[in-house]
Amino acid sequence: MLQTPCLRKAMKALSQITIPVFLIRYLDELELRQAIEKLFNKV
């Protein structure tokens, strides 16, 4: 896939937003934390 400089810049900005949004959801939602913990505790 060919990326123009504008597309590359937009994708970088999106990735910088996605991580904080996920962290806010993770801290706010007990069910999300439990689901992730369950995945990490699988043997």
N, C-alpha and C. Protein backbone atom coordinates (compact mmCIF):
# COMPACT_ATOMS: atom_id res chain seq x y z
N MET A 1 0.85 -1.18 0.00
CA MET A 1 0.00 0.00 0.00
C MET A 1 0.89 1.24 0.00
N LEU A 2 0.64 2.12 -0.93
CA LEU A 2 1.39 3.35 -1.04
C LEU A 2 0.83 4.39 -0.08
N GLN A 3 1.68 5.00 0.70
CA GLN A 3 1.22 6.00 1.66
C GLN A 3 1.77 7.38 1.28
N THR A 4 0.87 8.31 1.21
CA THR A 4 1.30 9.68 0.99
C THR A 4 1.74 10.26 2.33
N PRO A 5 2.53 11.32 2.32
CA PRO A 5 2.95 11.93 3.59
C PRO A 5 1.75 12.35 4.46
N CYS A 6 0.67 12.82 3.83
CA CYS A 6 -0.51 13.23 4.60
C CYS A 6 -1.17 12.02 5.28
N LEU A 7 -1.26 10.91 4.55
CA LEU A 7 -1.86 9.70 5.11
C LEU A 7 -1.00 9.17 6.26
N ARG A 8 0.30 9.16 6.05
CA ARG A 8 1.22 8.70 7.10
C ARG A 8 1.08 9.56 8.36
N LYS A 9 0.99 10.86 8.18
CA LYS A 9 0.83 11.78 9.31
C LYS A 9 -0.50 11.54 10.03
N ALA A 10 -1.55 11.32 9.26
CA ALA A 10 -2.87 11.06 9.85
C ALA A 10 -2.87 9.74 10.63
N MET A 11 -2.23 8.72 10.08
CA MET A 11 -2.17 7.41 10.76
C MET A 11 -1.37 7.52 12.07
N LYS A 12 -0.30 8.29 12.05
CA LYS A 12 0.50 8.48 13.26
C LYS A 12 -0.32 9.21 14.33
N ALA A 13 -1.06 10.24 13.92
CA ALA A 13 -1.91 10.98 14.86
C ALA A 13 -2.98 10.07 15.45
N LEU A 14 -3.57 9.22 14.62
CA LEU A 14 -4.59 8.29 15.10
C LEU A 14 -4.02 7.32 16.13
N SER A 15 -2.83 6.82 15.88
CA SER A 15 -2.22 5.88 16.83
C SER A 15 -1.91 6.57 18.16
N GLN A 16 -1.59 7.86 18.11
CA GLN A 16 -1.31 8.59 19.34
C GLN A 16 -2.58 8.83 20.15
N ILE A 17 -3.72 8.85 19.50
CA ILE A 17 -5.00 9.04 20.18
C ILE A 17 -5.53 7.72 20.71
N THR A 18 -5.33 6.65 19.95
CA THR A 18 -5.90 5.34 20.29
C THR A 18 -5.40 4.83 21.63
N ILE A 19 -4.13 4.96 21.92
CA ILE A 19 -3.58 4.43 23.16
C ILE A 19 -4.18 5.11 24.40
N PRO A 20 -4.23 6.45 24.48
CA PRO A 20 -4.85 7.08 25.65
C PRO A 20 -6.34 6.73 25.80
N VAL A 21 -7.05 6.63 24.68
CA VAL A 21 -8.48 6.28 24.75
C VAL A 21 -8.63 4.87 25.34
N PHE A 22 -7.78 3.94 24.91
CA PHE A 22 -7.84 2.59 25.46
C PHE A 22 -7.53 2.60 26.95
N LEU A 23 -6.53 3.36 27.36
CA LEU A 23 -6.18 3.42 28.78
C LEU A 23 -7.32 3.98 29.63
N ILE A 24 -7.99 4.99 29.11
CA ILE A 24 -9.14 5.55 29.83
C ILE A 24 -10.23 4.51 29.97
N ARG A 25 -10.53 3.80 28.87
CA ARG A 25 -11.55 2.73 28.94
C ARG A 25 -11.11 1.64 29.92
N TYR A 26 -9.83 1.26 29.87
CA TYR A 26 -9.32 0.21 30.75
C TYR A 26 -9.49 0.59 32.21
N LEU A 27 -9.19 1.83 32.55
CA LEU A 27 -9.31 2.28 33.93
C LEU A 27 -10.77 2.43 34.36
N ASP A 28 -11.64 2.73 33.41
CA ASP A 28 -13.03 3.02 33.72
C ASP A 28 -13.93 1.78 33.75
N GLU A 29 -13.60 0.76 32.97
CA GLU A 29 -14.50 -0.38 32.80
C GLU A 29 -13.96 -1.64 33.47
N LEU A 30 -14.61 -2.03 34.54
CA LEU A 30 -14.23 -3.23 35.28
C LEU A 30 -14.28 -4.46 34.39
N GLU A 31 -15.32 -4.60 33.58
CA GLU A 31 -15.46 -5.79 32.73
C GLU A 31 -14.32 -5.91 31.73
N LEU A 32 -13.86 -4.80 31.19
CA LEU A 32 -12.73 -4.82 30.26
C LEU A 32 -11.47 -5.29 30.98
N ARG A 33 -11.23 -4.76 32.17
CA ARG A 33 -10.05 -5.19 32.95
C ARG A 33 -10.12 -6.67 33.26
N GLN A 34 -11.29 -7.15 33.63
CA GLN A 34 -11.44 -8.57 33.96
C GLN A 34 -11.21 -9.45 32.74
N ALA A 35 -11.71 -9.03 31.59
CA ALA A 35 -11.53 -9.81 30.37
C ALA A 35 -10.05 -9.89 29.99
N ILE A 36 -9.35 -8.78 30.12
CA ILE A 36 -7.92 -8.76 29.79
C ILE A 36 -7.14 -9.59 30.79
N GLU A 37 -7.48 -9.48 32.05
CA GLU A 37 -6.80 -10.27 33.09
C GLU A 37 -7.01 -11.77 32.84
N LYS A 38 -8.22 -12.13 32.44
CA LYS A 38 -8.53 -13.54 32.16
C LYS A 38 -7.66 -14.05 31.01
N LEU A 39 -7.46 -13.21 29.97
CA LEU A 39 -6.61 -13.61 28.84
C LEU A 39 -5.16 -13.80 29.27
N PHE A 40 -4.67 -12.90 30.13
CA PHE A 40 -3.28 -13.00 30.57
C PHE A 40 -3.03 -14.17 31.51
N ASN A 41 -4.07 -14.61 32.21
CA ASN A 41 -3.89 -15.68 33.19
C ASN A 41 -4.09 -17.06 32.61
N LYS A 42 -4.38 -17.16 31.30
CA LYS A 42 -4.52 -18.49 30.68
C LYS A 42 -3.17 -19.16 30.63
N VAL A 43 -3.19 -20.46 30.90
CA VAL A 43 -1.93 -21.22 30.89
C VAL A 43 -1.84 -22.05 29.65
